[in-house]
């Protein structure tokens, strides 16, 4: 089981790299650097497709295709594929040692399913031209993978949960729901490129209740930058997305800070409480810095 635990830790570290690198690919506008899947213009790597990529870039220098962007996209795919193979290996070991309580073969199998679905979302991200719903689901899938691997790592290490308080347990569950909702709002803000829809803080366009188009902002089935009717997405719609994320941060952040304070007051969970408070404050600071 020592190998099993080490593979989980390795997969956990690799997942963190894949999630962060995926965000970098999106922010570098490299998501369509290779517009087909799983290869790059039908080749194994951008090196083998260099002539085609250079021709496409020469025809549209400001377009989404260039050799550096192609490499960023393909490196992300190589890392994700390696992670998928590693997780399949973990699942095989989990079933081989299923008699051991720390193996959790059902969770390992669920993880394989999540990774396969992630691969499909990665394909659709490219072939459906960065539809916000697909890209957001891809982000949430990556974080789900990270969460499941963290659970497996704790299980493999023999860590058992200790219930400090029933009320705090339910508060932590509520905080998790709020956190997931806020992450989803953040993903929606990022995939719609609405991060700079409000360039002032704490107000937006000089108002604490800015003009916003929530109907078009949260219409899920649509193209990037377009409404469901095929019109350009307005600034008011982008403002609605951005402002919803800010309001979500107030609600989720406030709740998690109170939860962290409550945890920090109890000795068995004091470290977790302090870590939670520090993480929330760091996130708030990074959010403000983005604006």
C-alpha atoms as a PDB file:
ATOM      1  CA  UNK A   1       0.000   0.000   0.000  1.00  0.00           C
ATOM      2  CA  UNK A   2       3.023   2.273   0.254  1.00  0.00           C
ATOM      3  CA  UNK A   3       3.181   2.486  -3.556  1.00  0.00           C
ATOM      4  CA  UNK A   4      -0.560   3.222  -3.620  1.00  0.00           C
ATOM      5  CA  UNK A   5      -0.158   6.154  -1.237  1.00  0.00           C
ATOM      6  CA  UNK A   6       2.815   7.547  -3.136  1.00  0.00           C
ATOM      7  CA  UNK A   7       0.973   7.368  -6.457  1.00  0.00           C
ATOM      8  CA  UNK A   8      -1.956   9.267  -4.945  1.00  0.00           C
ATOM      9  CA  UNK A   9       0.350  12.020  -3.681  1.00  0.00           C
ATOM     10  CA  UNK A  10       2.026  12.178  -7.101  1.00  0.00           C
ATOM     11  CA  UNK A  11      -1.374  12.373  -8.817  1.00  0.00           C
ATOM     12  CA  UNK A  12      -2.481  15.074  -6.387  1.00  0.00           C
ATOM     13  CA  UNK A  13       0.581  17.189  -7.186  1.00  0.00           C
ATOM     14  CA  UNK A  14       0.149  16.613 -10.926  1.00  0.00           C
ATOM     15  CA  UNK A  15      -3.535  17.567 -10.725  1.00  0.00           C
ATOM     16  CA  UNK A  16      -2.617  20.864  -9.083  1.00  0.00           C
ATOM     17  CA  UNK A  17      -0.151  21.513 -11.914  1.00  0.00           C
ATOM     18  CA  UNK A  18      -2.754  20.621 -14.565  1.00  0.00           C
ATOM     19  CA  UNK A  19      -5.396  22.908 -13.014  1.00  0.00           C
ATOM     20  CA  UNK A  20      -3.003  25.850 -12.712  1.00  0.00           C
ATOM     21  CA  UNK A  21      -1.541  25.298 -16.173  1.00  0.00           C
ATOM     22  CA  UNK A  22      -5.050  25.049 -17.624  1.00  0.00           C
ATOM     23  CA  UNK A  23      -5.864  28.448 -16.146  1.00  0.00           C
ATOM     24  CA  UNK A  24      -2.634  29.805 -17.634  1.00  0.00           C
ATOM     25  CA  UNK A  25      -3.567  28.428 -21.070  1.00  0.00           C
ATOM     26  CA  UNK A  26      -6.934  30.183 -20.871  1.00  0.00           C
ATOM     27  CA  UNK A  27      -5.460  33.492 -19.680  1.00  0.00           C
ATOM     28  CA  UNK A  28      -2.788  33.302 -22.402  1.00  0.00           C
ATOM     29  CA  UNK A  29      -5.614  32.949 -24.960  1.00  0.00           C
ATOM     30  CA  UNK A  30      -4.063  29.664 -26.075  1.00  0.00           C
ATOM     31  CA  UNK A  31      -7.142  27.455 -25.749  1.00  0.00           C
ATOM     32  CA  UNK A  32      -7.505  27.237 -29.530  1.00  0.00           C
ATOM     33  CA  UNK A  33      -3.774  27.054 -30.219  1.00  0.00           C
ATOM     34  CA  UNK A  34      -4.487  23.596 -31.646  1.00  0.00           C
ATOM     35  CA  UNK A  35      -8.079  23.709 -32.917  1.00  0.00           C
ATOM     36  CA  UNK A  36      -8.467  19.936 -33.320  1.00  0.00           C
ATOM     37  CA  UNK A  37      -8.264  17.084 -30.800  1.00  0.00           C
ATOM     38  CA  UNK A  38      -6.443  15.063 -29.549  1.00  0.00           C
ATOM     39  CA  UNK A  39      -3.542  16.033 -31.795  1.00  0.00           C
ATOM     40  CA  UNK A  40      -2.474  19.349 -33.249  1.00  0.00           C
ATOM     41  CA  UNK A  41      -3.531  19.698 -36.888  1.00  0.00           C
ATOM     42  CA  UNK A  42      -3.562  15.919 -37.025  1.00  0.00           C
ATOM     43  CA  UNK A  43      -0.018  15.606 -35.666  1.00  0.00           C
ATOM     44  CA  UNK A  44       1.361  14.372 -32.365  1.00  0.00           C
ATOM     45  CA  UNK A  45       2.970  17.699 -31.441  1.00  0.00           C
ATOM     46  CA  UNK A  46       3.195  21.319 -32.650  1.00  0.00           C
ATOM     47  CA  UNK A  47       6.725  20.547 -33.832  1.00  0.00           C
ATOM     48  CA  UNK A  48       5.361  18.102 -36.403  1.00  0.00           C
ATOM     49  CA  UNK A  49       2.653  20.588 -37.439  1.00  0.00           C
ATOM     50  CA  UNK A  50       4.903  23.656 -37.421  1.00  0.00           C
ATOM     51  CA  UNK A  51       4.505  24.448 -41.139  1.00  0.00           C
ATOM     52  CA  UNK A  52       0.710  24.476 -40.928  1.00  0.00           C
ATOM     53  CA  UNK A  53       0.696  26.513 -37.711  1.00  0.00           C
ATOM     54  CA  UNK A  54       3.070  29.119 -39.160  1.00  0.00           C
ATOM     55  CA  UNK A  55       0.918  29.430 -42.293  1.00  0.00           C
ATOM     56  CA  UNK A  56      -2.262  29.906 -40.236  1.00  0.00           C
ATOM     57  CA  UNK A  57      -0.532  32.460 -38.024  1.00  0.00           C
ATOM     58  CA  UNK A  58       0.802  34.361 -41.049  1.00  0.00           C
ATOM     59  CA  UNK A  59      -2.724  34.568 -42.468  1.00  0.00           C
ATOM     60  CA  UNK A  60      -4.093  35.911 -39.161  1.00  0.00           C
ATOM     61  CA  UNK A  61      -1.311  37.244 -36.892  1.00  0.00           C
ATOM     62  CA  UNK A  62      -3.794  38.355 -34.224  1.00  0.00           C
ATOM     63  CA  UNK A  63      -5.777  35.103 -34.273  1.00  0.00           C
ATOM     64  CA  UNK A  64      -5.754  32.300 -31.691  1.00  0.00           C
ATOM     65  CA  UNK A  65      -3.164  30.164 -33.498  1.00  0.00           C
ATOM     66  CA  UNK A  66       0.593  30.536 -33.109  1.00  0.00           C
ATOM     67  CA  UNK A  67       3.438  28.157 -32.358  1.00  0.00           C
ATOM     68  CA  UNK A  68       3.880  29.269 -28.711  1.00  0.00           C
ATOM     69  CA  UNK A  69       0.126  29.006 -28.091  1.00  0.00           C
ATOM     70  CA  UNK A  70       0.022  25.579 -29.709  1.00  0.00           C
ATOM     71  CA  UNK A  71       2.777  24.341 -27.412  1.00  0.00           C
ATOM     72  CA  UNK A  72       0.979  25.685 -24.331  1.00  0.00           C
ATOM     73  CA  UNK A  73      -2.227  23.909 -25.305  1.00  0.00           C
ATOM     74  CA  UNK A  74      -0.483  20.628 -26.129  1.00  0.00           C
ATOM     75  CA  UNK A  75       1.637  20.618 -22.963  1.00  0.00           C
ATOM     76  CA  UNK A  76      -1.616  20.946 -21.029  1.00  0.00           C
ATOM     77  CA  UNK A  77      -2.994  17.934 -22.922  1.00  0.00           C
ATOM     78  CA  UNK A  78       0.165  15.880 -22.346  1.00  0.00           C
ATOM     79  CA  UNK A  79       0.010  16.586 -18.604  1.00  0.00           C
ATOM     80  CA  UNK A  80      -3.705  15.756 -18.464  1.00  0.00           C
ATOM     81  CA  UNK A  81      -3.172  12.486 -20.355  1.00  0.00           C
ATOM     82  CA  UNK A  82      -0.365  11.511 -17.972  1.00  0.00           C
ATOM     83  CA  UNK A  83      -2.657  12.245 -15.039  1.00  0.00           C
ATOM     84  CA  UNK A  84      -5.378  10.071 -16.551  1.00  0.00           C
ATOM     85  CA  UNK A  85      -3.035   7.094 -16.889  1.00  0.00           C
ATOM     86  CA  UNK A  86      -1.790   7.612 -13.341  1.00  0.00           C
ATOM     87  CA  UNK A  87      -5.341   7.651 -11.958  1.00  0.00           C
ATOM     88  CA  UNK A  88      -6.204   4.452 -13.837  1.00  0.00           C
ATOM     89  CA  UNK A  89      -3.165   2.844 -12.200  1.00  0.00           C
ATOM     90  CA  UNK A  90      -4.363   4.046  -8.790  1.00  0.00           C
ATOM     91  CA  UNK A  91      -7.794   2.514  -9.406  1.00  0.00           C
ATOM     92  CA  UNK A  92      -6.231  -0.822 -10.393  1.00  0.00           C
ATOM     93  CA  UNK A  93      -4.181  -0.880  -7.175  1.00  0.00           C
ATOM     94  CA  UNK A  94      -7.230   0.128  -5.128  1.00  0.00           C
ATOM     95  CA  UNK A  95      -9.198  -2.862  -6.425  1.00  0.00           C
ATOM     96  CA  UNK A  96      -6.230  -5.181  -5.999  1.00  0.00           C
ATOM     97  CA  UNK A  97      -6.050  -4.199  -2.313  1.00  0.00           C
ATOM     98  CA  UNK A  98      -9.801  -3.738  -1.849  1.00  0.00           C
ATOM     99  CA  UNK A  99      -9.756  -5.759   1.376  1.00  0.00           C
ATOM    100  CA  UNK A 100      -7.768  -2.939   3.006  1.00  0.00           C
ATOM    101  CA  UNK A 101      -9.947  -0.201   4.495  1.00  0.00           C
ATOM    102  CA  UNK A 102      -7.693   2.577   3.208  1.00  0.00           C
ATOM    103  CA  UNK A 103      -7.935   1.515  -0.450  1.00  0.00           C
ATOM    104  CA  UNK A 104     -11.433   2.979  -1.201  1.00  0.00           C
ATOM    105  CA  UNK A 105     -11.828   1.281  -4.616  1.00  0.00           C
ATOM    106  CA  UNK A 106     -15.264   2.784  -5.297  1.00  0.00           C
ATOM    107  CA  UNK A 107     -13.947   6.332  -4.906  1.00  0.00           C
ATOM    108  CA  UNK A 108     -10.941   5.463  -7.074  1.00  0.00           C
ATOM    109  CA  UNK A 109     -13.318   4.141  -9.744  1.00  0.00           C
ATOM    110  CA  UNK A 110     -15.426   7.294  -9.495  1.00  0.00           C
ATOM    111  CA  UNK A 111     -12.231   9.251 -10.043  1.00  0.00           C
ATOM    112  CA  UNK A 112     -11.560   7.327 -13.257  1.00  0.00           C
ATOM    113  CA  UNK A 113     -15.043   8.267 -14.473  1.00  0.00           C
ATOM    114  CA  UNK A 114     -14.456  11.922 -13.618  1.00  0.00           C
ATOM    115  CA  UNK A 115     -11.157  11.929 -15.512  1.00  0.00           C
ATOM    116  CA  UNK A 116     -12.722  10.311 -18.590  1.00  0.00           C
ATOM    117  CA  UNK A 117     -15.464  12.934 -18.553  1.00  0.00           C
ATOM    118  CA  UNK A 118     -12.773  15.586 -18.117  1.00  0.00           C
ATOM    119  CA  UNK A 119     -11.127  14.324 -21.284  1.00  0.00           C
ATOM    120  CA  UNK A 120     -14.412  14.731 -23.159  1.00  0.00           C
ATOM    121  CA  UNK A 121     -14.852  18.239 -21.753  1.00  0.00           C
ATOM    122  CA  UNK A 122     -11.311  19.057 -22.862  1.00  0.00           C
ATOM    123  CA  UNK A 123     -12.176  17.887 -26.366  1.00  0.00           C
ATOM    124  CA  UNK A 124     -15.436  19.859 -26.447  1.00  0.00           C
ATOM    125  CA  UNK A 125     -13.657  22.940 -25.106  1.00  0.00           C
ATOM    126  CA  UNK A 126     -11.673  23.006 -28.344  1.00  0.00           C
ATOM    127  CA  UNK A 127     -14.150  21.623 -30.873  1.00  0.00           C
ATOM    128  CA  UNK A 128     -17.033  23.788 -29.595  1.00  0.00           C
ATOM    129  CA  UNK A 129     -14.829  26.906 -29.617  1.00  0.00           C
ATOM    130  CA  UNK A 130     -14.544  27.703 -25.912  1.00  0.00           C
ATOM    131  CA  UNK A 131     -18.238  27.710 -25.030  1.00  0.00           C
ATOM    132  CA  UNK A 132     -18.401  29.180 -21.501  1.00  0.00           C
ATOM    133  CA  UNK A 133     -20.567  26.347 -20.141  1.00  0.00           C
ATOM    134  CA  UNK A 134     -18.105  23.699 -21.351  1.00  0.00           C
ATOM    135  CA  UNK A 135     -15.010  25.547 -20.144  1.00  0.00           C
ATOM    136  CA  UNK A 136     -16.594  26.229 -16.741  1.00  0.00           C
ATOM    137  CA  UNK A 137     -17.570  22.564 -16.384  1.00  0.00           C
ATOM    138  CA  UNK A 138     -13.997  21.619 -17.315  1.00  0.00           C
ATOM    139  CA  UNK A 139     -12.675  23.842 -14.519  1.00  0.00           C
ATOM    140  CA  UNK A 140     -15.087  22.365 -11.976  1.00  0.00           C
ATOM    141  CA  UNK A 141     -14.134  18.874 -13.127  1.00  0.00           C
ATOM    142  CA  UNK A 142     -10.475  19.617 -12.486  1.00  0.00           C
ATOM    143  CA  UNK A 143     -11.224  20.822  -8.968  1.00  0.00           C
ATOM    144  CA  UNK A 144     -13.433  17.763  -8.385  1.00  0.00           C
ATOM    145  CA  UNK A 145     -10.479  15.581  -9.367  1.00  0.00           C
ATOM    146  CA  UNK A 146      -8.280  17.500  -6.931  1.00  0.00           C
ATOM    147  CA  UNK A 147     -10.837  17.087  -4.129  1.00  0.00           C
ATOM    148  CA  UNK A 148     -11.288  13.340  -4.675  1.00  0.00           C
ATOM    149  CA  UNK A 149      -7.532  12.774  -4.758  1.00  0.00           C
ATOM    150  CA  UNK A 150      -7.160  14.762  -1.533  1.00  0.00           C
ATOM    151  CA  UNK A 151      -9.786  12.512   0.084  1.00  0.00           C
ATOM    152  CA  UNK A 152      -7.968   9.411  -1.172  1.00  0.00           C
ATOM    153  CA  UNK A 153      -4.634  10.746   0.112  1.00  0.00           C
ATOM    154  CA  UNK A 154      -6.066  11.322   3.586  1.00  0.00           C
ATOM    155  CA  UNK A 155      -7.679   7.878   3.552  1.00  0.00           C
ATOM    156  CA  UNK A 156      -4.460   6.186   2.427  1.00  0.00           C
ATOM    157  CA  UNK A 157      -2.514   8.003   5.151  1.00  0.00           C
ATOM    158  CA  UNK A 158      -4.908   6.660   7.778  1.00  0.00           C
ATOM    159  CA  UNK A 159      -6.266  10.083   8.718  1.00  0.00           C
ATOM    160  CA  UNK A 160      -9.666   9.836  10.345  1.00  0.00           C
ATOM    161  CA  UNK A 161     -12.054  12.719  10.787  1.00  0.00           C
ATOM    162  CA  UNK A 162     -12.651  13.993  14.300  1.00  0.00           C
ATOM    163  CA  UNK A 163     -16.007  15.620  14.948  1.00  0.00           C
ATOM    164  CA  UNK A 164     -15.387  18.623  17.206  1.00  0.00           C
ATOM    165  CA  UNK A 165     -19.006  19.771  17.153  1.00  0.00           C
ATOM    166  CA  UNK A 166     -22.140  18.717  15.298  1.00  0.00           C
ATOM    167  CA  UNK A 167     -23.003  22.351  14.640  1.00  0.00           C
ATOM    168  CA  UNK A 168     -19.557  23.048  13.236  1.00  0.00           C
ATOM    169  CA  UNK A 169     -19.804  19.945  11.068  1.00  0.00           C
ATOM    170  CA  UNK A 170     -23.031  21.184   9.482  1.00  0.00           C
ATOM    171  CA  UNK A 171     -21.577  24.697   9.221  1.00  0.00           C
ATOM    172  CA  UNK A 172     -18.558  23.255   7.397  1.00  0.00           C
ATOM    173  CA  UNK A 173     -20.853  21.427   4.981  1.00  0.00           C
ATOM    174  CA  UNK A 174     -22.787  24.635   4.340  1.00  0.00           C
ATOM    175  CA  UNK A 175     -19.487  26.442   3.823  1.00  0.00           C
ATOM    176  CA  UNK A 176     -18.454  23.814   1.276  1.00  0.00           C
ATOM    177  CA  UNK A 177     -21.669  24.370  -0.684  1.00  0.00           C
ATOM    178  CA  UNK A 178     -21.118  28.143  -0.658  1.00  0.00           C
ATOM    179  CA  UNK A 179     -17.493  27.670  -1.689  1.00  0.00           C
ATOM    180  CA  UNK A 180     -18.413  25.457  -4.651  1.00  0.00           C
ATOM    181  CA  UNK A 181     -21.036  27.991  -5.750  1.00  0.00           C
ATOM    182  CA  UNK A 182     -18.488  30.800  -5.506  1.00  0.00           C
ATOM    183  CA  UNK A 183     -15.910  28.805  -7.468  1.00  0.00           C
ATOM    184  CA  UNK A 184     -18.553  28.224 -10.153  1.00  0.00           C
ATOM    185  CA  UNK A 185     -19.261  31.969 -10.282  1.00  0.00           C
ATOM    186  CA  UNK A 186     -15.535  32.642 -10.527  1.00  0.00           C
ATOM    187  CA  UNK A 187     -15.215  30.131 -13.349  1.00  0.00           C
ATOM    188  CA  UNK A 188     -18.159  31.727 -15.157  1.00  0.00           C
ATOM    189  CA  UNK A 189     -16.519  35.141 -14.747  1.00  0.00           C
ATOM    190  CA  UNK A 190     -13.238  33.852 -16.138  1.00  0.00           C
ATOM    191  CA  UNK A 191     -14.652  31.862 -19.059  1.00  0.00           C
ATOM    192  CA  UNK A 192     -16.767  34.844 -20.137  1.00  0.00           C
ATOM    193  CA  UNK A 193     -13.748  37.170 -19.801  1.00  0.00           C
ATOM    194  CA  UNK A 194     -15.736  39.383 -17.420  1.00  0.00           C
ATOM    195  CA  UNK A 195     -12.953  39.949 -14.887  1.00  0.00           C
ATOM    196  CA  UNK A 196     -12.501  43.568 -15.972  1.00  0.00           C
ATOM    197  CA  UNK A 197     -16.169  44.369 -16.561  1.00  0.00           C
ATOM    198  CA  UNK A 198     -15.865  46.422 -13.364  1.00  0.00           C
ATOM    199  CA  UNK A 199     -12.603  48.330 -13.105  1.00  0.00           C
ATOM    200  CA  UNK A 200     -13.221  50.052  -9.774  1.00  0.00           C
ATOM    201  CA  UNK A 201     -13.548  48.697  -6.242  1.00  0.00           C
ATOM    202  CA  UNK A 202     -15.593  48.254  -4.107  1.00  0.00           C
ATOM    203  CA  UNK A 203     -18.138  49.912  -6.407  1.00  0.00           C
ATOM    204  CA  UNK A 204     -18.720  48.991 -10.045  1.00  0.00           C
ATOM    205  CA  UNK A 205     -19.013  51.819 -12.566  1.00  0.00           C
ATOM    206  CA  UNK A 206     -19.297  54.144  -9.584  1.00  0.00           C
ATOM    207  CA  UNK A 207     -22.321  52.340  -8.147  1.00  0.00           C
ATOM    208  CA  UNK A 208     -22.964  49.667  -5.543  1.00  0.00           C
ATOM    209  CA  UNK A 209     -25.854  48.431  -7.685  1.00  0.00           C
ATOM    210  CA  UNK A 210     -24.646  48.846 -11.281  1.00  0.00           C
ATOM    211  CA  UNK A 211     -26.789  48.498 -14.386  1.00  0.00           C
ATOM    212  CA  UNK A 212     -26.683  44.793 -15.242  1.00  0.00           C
ATOM    213  CA  UNK A 213     -28.302  42.302 -17.601  1.00  0.00           C
ATOM    214  CA  UNK A 214     -28.695  39.114 -15.562  1.00  0.00           C
ATOM    215  CA  UNK A 215     -30.955  37.343 -18.070  1.00  0.00           C
ATOM    216  CA  UNK A 216     -28.323  37.167 -20.815  1.00  0.00           C
ATOM    217  CA  UNK A 217     -25.424  36.876 -18.359  1.00  0.00           C
ATOM    218  CA  UNK A 218     -26.519  33.498 -17.044  1.00  0.00           C
ATOM    219  CA  UNK A 219     -27.974  31.940 -20.165  1.00  0.00           C
ATOM    220  CA  UNK A 220     -25.891  28.766 -20.168  1.00  0.00           C
ATOM    221  CA  UNK A 221     -26.294  27.457 -23.734  1.00  0.00           C
ATOM    222  CA  UNK A 222     -24.643  30.091 -25.914  1.00  0.00           C
ATOM    223  CA  UNK A 223     -21.437  30.923 -27.753  1.00  0.00           C
ATOM    224  CA  UNK A 224     -18.538  32.810 -26.202  1.00  0.00           C
ATOM    225  CA  UNK A 225     -19.220  36.550 -26.210  1.00  0.00           C
ATOM    226  CA  UNK A 226     -22.714  36.099 -27.628  1.00  0.00           C
ATOM    227  CA  UNK A 227     -26.253  36.014 -26.281  1.00  0.00           C
ATOM    228  CA  UNK A 228     -28.535  33.046 -26.912  1.00  0.00           C
ATOM    229  CA  UNK A 229     -30.027  35.049 -29.825  1.00  0.00           C
ATOM    230  CA  UNK A 230     -26.619  35.433 -31.469  1.00  0.00           C
ATOM    231  CA  UNK A 231     -26.079  39.084 -30.549  1.00  0.00           C
ATOM    232  CA  UNK A 232     -22.915  40.415 -28.940  1.00  0.00           C
ATOM    233  CA  UNK A 233     -22.910  40.096 -25.158  1.00  0.00           C
ATOM    234  CA  UNK A 234     -23.337  43.593 -23.738  1.00  0.00           C
ATOM    235  CA  UNK A 235     -21.261  45.309 -21.072  1.00  0.00           C
ATOM    236  CA  UNK A 236     -24.337  45.142 -18.831  1.00  0.00           C
ATOM    237  CA  UNK A 237     -24.325  41.339 -19.115  1.00  0.00           C
ATOM    238  CA  UNK A 238     -20.605  41.143 -18.343  1.00  0.00           C
ATOM    239  CA  UNK A 239     -21.200  43.485 -15.417  1.00  0.00           C
ATOM    240  CA  UNK A 240     -23.903  41.142 -14.117  1.00  0.00           C
ATOM    241  CA  UNK A 241     -21.471  38.220 -14.214  1.00  0.00           C
ATOM    242  CA  UNK A 242     -18.715  40.149 -12.478  1.00  0.00           C
ATOM    243  CA  UNK A 243     -20.990  41.683  -9.848  1.00  0.00           C
ATOM    244  CA  UNK A 244     -22.567  38.318  -9.027  1.00  0.00           C
ATOM    245  CA  UNK A 245     -19.094  36.947  -8.350  1.00  0.00           C
ATOM    246  CA  UNK A 246     -18.346  39.861  -6.032  1.00  0.00           C
ATOM    247  CA  UNK A 247     -21.613  39.433  -4.138  1.00  0.00           C
ATOM    248  CA  UNK A 248     -20.914  35.716  -3.884  1.00  0.00           C
ATOM    249  CA  UNK A 249     -17.515  36.550  -2.414  1.00  0.00           C
ATOM    250  CA  UNK A 250     -19.153  38.695   0.270  1.00  0.00           C
ATOM    251  CA  UNK A 251     -21.547  35.897   1.252  1.00  0.00           C
ATOM    252  CA  UNK A 252     -19.172  32.933   0.993  1.00  0.00           C
ATOM    253  CA  UNK A 253     -16.159  34.830   2.310  1.00  0.00           C
ATOM    254  CA  UNK A 254     -18.058  36.205   5.287  1.00  0.00           C
ATOM    255  CA  UNK A 255     -19.460  32.786   6.175  1.00  0.00           C
ATOM    256  CA  UNK A 256     -16.085  31.059   5.879  1.00  0.00           C
ATOM    257  CA  UNK A 257     -14.347  33.716   7.981  1.00  0.00           C
ATOM    258  CA  UNK A 258     -16.892  33.204  10.767  1.00  0.00           C
ATOM    259  CA  UNK A 259     -16.489  29.431  10.422  1.00  0.00           C
ATOM    260  CA  UNK A 260     -12.709  29.781  10.590  1.00  0.00           C
ATOM    261  CA  UNK A 261     -13.001  31.905  13.728  1.00  0.00           C
ATOM    262  CA  UNK A 262     -15.270  29.286  15.342  1.00  0.00           C
ATOM    263  CA  UNK A 263     -12.844  26.492  14.445  1.00  0.00           C
ATOM    264  CA  UNK A 264      -9.840  28.466  15.691  1.00  0.00           C
ATOM    265  CA  UNK A 265     -11.421  28.788  19.144  1.00  0.00           C
ATOM    266  CA  UNK A 266     -11.400  24.999  19.643  1.00  0.00           C
ATOM    267  CA  UNK A 267      -8.050  23.362  20.239  1.00  0.00           C
ATOM    268  CA  UNK A 268      -8.417  20.227  18.049  1.00  0.00           C
ATOM    269  CA  UNK A 269      -9.403  22.360  15.049  1.00  0.00           C
ATOM    270  CA  UNK A 270      -7.475  25.550  15.825  1.00  0.00           C
ATOM    271  CA  UNK A 271      -4.901  25.000  13.083  1.00  0.00           C
ATOM    272  CA  UNK A 272      -7.563  24.324  10.467  1.00  0.00           C
ATOM    273  CA  UNK A 273      -9.453  27.444  11.533  1.00  0.00           C
ATOM    274  CA  UNK A 274      -6.400  29.679  11.222  1.00  0.00           C
ATOM    275  CA  UNK A 275      -5.547  28.140   7.844  1.00  0.00           C
ATOM    276  CA  UNK A 276      -9.114  28.734   6.623  1.00  0.00           C
ATOM    277  CA  UNK A 277      -9.053  32.382   7.692  1.00  0.00           C
ATOM    278  CA  UNK A 278      -5.664  32.905   6.019  1.00  0.00           C
ATOM    279  CA  UNK A 279      -6.835  31.245   2.783  1.00  0.00           C
ATOM    280  CA  UNK A 280     -10.014  33.343   2.624  1.00  0.00           C
ATOM    281  CA  UNK A 281      -8.137  36.592   3.264  1.00  0.00           C
ATOM    282  CA  UNK A 282      -5.567  35.649   0.612  1.00  0.00           C
ATOM    283  CA  UNK A 283      -8.349  34.962  -1.894  1.00  0.00           C
ATOM    284  CA  UNK A 284     -10.018  38.284  -1.119  1.00  0.00           C
ATOM    285  CA  UNK A 285      -6.707  40.071  -1.615  1.00  0.00           C
ATOM    286  CA  UNK A 286      -6.059  38.319  -4.928  1.00  0.00           C
ATOM    287  CA  UNK A 287      -9.576  39.131  -6.118  1.00  0.00           C
ATOM    288  CA  UNK A 288      -9.106  42.823  -5.367  1.00  0.00           C
ATOM    289  CA  UNK A 289      -5.671  42.786  -7.023  1.00  0.00           C
ATOM    290  CA  UNK A 290      -7.198  41.356 -10.219  1.00  0.00           C
ATOM    291  CA  UNK A 291      -9.378  44.446 -10.525  1.00  0.00           C
END
